[in-house]
Amino acid sequence: MSRAGLVAVLKAGRSLTFDDGDLGLCGEVASLLDAGTRAFVINVGGVAVIDSSGVAELVSCQTAISRRGGRLILCEPSPKVREVLGVTRLDGVIEARASEAEAIAELQHGS
């Protein structure tokens, strides 16, 4: 995790799957929420594999953040992540931006 001002920037692993994936994002988000963070960017550019557990992890993060008055933007979505968000229609629920810098700037300026 890194910070860009008040924005927490997390990086997802190569795999967001039940068996061998990086499903610890929600725990990290919860800790940051408890510490007062409300603006989050999750970089999913390196995600090559995502299954229903990975989708559930992203939805859980989005839900937890929005319930606490925060905002989440995914950035650099890999082709696989774009495909899954489109098929599940989550692309209308979870925001995504092409670059990390764009996502951070949007959150910093409150757009």
Protein backbone atom coordinates (compact mmCIF):
# COMPACT_ATOMS: atom_id res chain seq x y z
CA MET A 1 0.00 0.00 0.00
CA SER A 2 1.15 3.49 -0.76
CA ARG A 3 -0.39 6.92 -0.33
CA ALA A 4 -0.92 9.86 -2.61
CA GLY A 5 -2.08 12.52 -0.17
CA LEU A 6 -5.32 11.27 1.37
CA VAL A 7 -5.72 8.56 -1.26
CA ALA A 8 -4.72 4.98 -0.39
CA VAL A 9 -3.31 3.12 -3.39
CA LEU A 10 -3.39 -0.68 -3.24
CA LYS A 11 -2.05 -3.08 -5.84
CA ALA A 12 -3.84 -6.33 -6.57
CA GLY A 13 -1.73 -9.39 -7.26
CA ARG A 14 -1.52 -11.30 -10.51
CA SER A 15 -4.37 -13.56 -9.46
CA LEU A 16 -7.67 -12.77 -7.76
CA THR A 17 -8.89 -16.32 -7.23
CA PHE A 18 -10.05 -18.56 -4.42
CA ASP A 19 -7.16 -21.02 -4.67
CA ASP A 20 -4.05 -18.95 -5.03
CA GLY A 21 -5.10 -15.36 -5.30
CA ASP A 22 -4.69 -12.12 -3.46
CA LEU A 23 -7.94 -12.06 -1.52
CA GLY A 24 -6.63 -9.91 1.32
CA LEU A 25 -7.69 -6.61 -0.20
CA CYS A 26 -10.82 -6.31 1.95
CA GLY A 27 -8.88 -6.75 5.15
CA GLU A 28 -6.48 -4.01 4.14
CA VAL A 29 -9.37 -1.76 3.08
CA ALA A 30 -11.16 -2.39 6.41
CA SER A 31 -8.06 -1.39 8.39
CA LEU A 32 -7.64 1.76 6.35
CA LEU A 33 -11.32 2.63 6.72
CA ASP A 34 -11.01 2.23 10.49
CA ALA A 35 -8.04 4.62 10.38
CA GLY A 36 -10.13 7.24 8.56
CA THR A 37 -9.20 6.73 4.92
CA ARG A 38 -12.11 7.31 2.54
CA ALA A 39 -10.46 7.49 -0.91
CA PHE A 40 -9.11 4.29 -2.47
CA VAL A 41 -7.46 3.28 -5.71
CA ILE A 42 -6.87 -0.40 -6.42
CA ASN A 43 -4.49 -1.02 -9.29
CA VAL A 44 -5.67 -4.15 -11.11
CA GLY A 45 -3.33 -3.79 -14.07
CA GLY A 46 -1.40 -6.95 -13.32
CA VAL A 47 -4.40 -9.21 -12.76
CA ALA A 48 -4.26 -12.04 -15.28
CA VAL A 49 -6.74 -14.40 -13.59
CA ILE A 50 -9.94 -13.55 -11.73
CA ASP A 51 -12.75 -15.86 -10.62
CA SER A 52 -15.99 -15.39 -8.70
CA SER A 53 -14.08 -15.10 -5.42
CA GLY A 54 -12.01 -12.28 -6.87
CA VAL A 55 -15.14 -10.54 -8.12
CA ALA A 56 -16.69 -10.94 -4.67
CA GLU A 57 -13.55 -9.45 -3.12
CA LEU A 58 -13.81 -6.33 -5.32
CA VAL A 59 -17.55 -6.00 -4.64
CA SER A 60 -16.95 -6.37 -0.89
CA CYS A 61 -14.33 -3.63 -1.02
CA GLN A 62 -16.68 -1.36 -2.98
CA THR A 63 -19.53 -2.03 -0.54
CA ALA A 64 -17.44 -1.44 2.59
CA ILE A 65 -16.00 1.79 1.21
CA SER A 66 -19.31 3.20 0.04
CA ARG A 67 -21.03 2.33 3.33
CA ARG A 68 -18.44 4.44 5.13
CA GLY A 69 -18.91 7.39 2.77
CA GLY A 70 -15.83 6.68 0.71
CA ARG A 71 -15.04 6.12 -2.92
CA LEU A 72 -13.17 3.39 -4.78
CA ILE A 73 -11.70 3.60 -8.26
CA LEU A 74 -10.00 0.67 -9.95
CA CYS A 75 -7.17 1.63 -12.25
CA GLU A 76 -5.33 0.14 -15.18
CA PRO A 77 -7.84 -2.70 -15.56
CA SER A 78 -6.27 -5.60 -17.41
CA PRO A 79 -8.19 -7.03 -20.36
CA LYS A 80 -9.35 -9.90 -18.14
CA VAL A 81 -10.66 -7.56 -15.44
CA ARG A 82 -12.42 -5.39 -18.05
CA GLU A 83 -14.02 -8.50 -19.52
CA VAL A 84 -15.25 -9.78 -16.14
CA LEU A 85 -16.56 -6.38 -15.06
CA GLY A 86 -18.46 -6.13 -18.34
CA VAL A 87 -19.93 -9.64 -18.25
CA THR A 88 -21.06 -9.21 -14.64
CA ARG A 89 -22.27 -5.66 -15.35
CA LEU A 90 -20.15 -4.39 -12.50
CA ASP A 91 -18.59 -1.87 -14.86
CA GLY A 92 -21.61 0.29 -14.06
CA VAL A 93 -21.11 -0.11 -10.31
CA ILE A 94 -17.35 -0.08 -9.75
CA GLU A 95 -15.55 2.88 -11.29
CA ALA A 96 -12.41 2.30 -13.34
CA ARG A 97 -9.87 4.63 -14.93
CA ALA A 98 -7.16 3.96 -17.49
CA SER A 99 -4.28 5.10 -15.31
CA GLU A 100 -3.34 5.28 -11.65
CA ALA A 101 -2.53 8.98 -11.99
CA GLU A 102 -5.99 9.69 -13.44
CA ALA A 103 -7.74 7.80 -10.62
CA ILE A 104 -5.69 9.54 -7.93
CA ALA A 105 -6.26 12.97 -9.44
CA GLU A 106 -10.01 12.40 -9.60
CA LEU A 107 -10.16 11.36 -5.95
CA GLN A 108 -7.93 14.21 -4.81
CA HIS A 109 -10.10 16.77 -6.56
CA GLY A 110 -13.36 15.17 -5.46
CA SER A 111 -14.78 14.95 -8.97
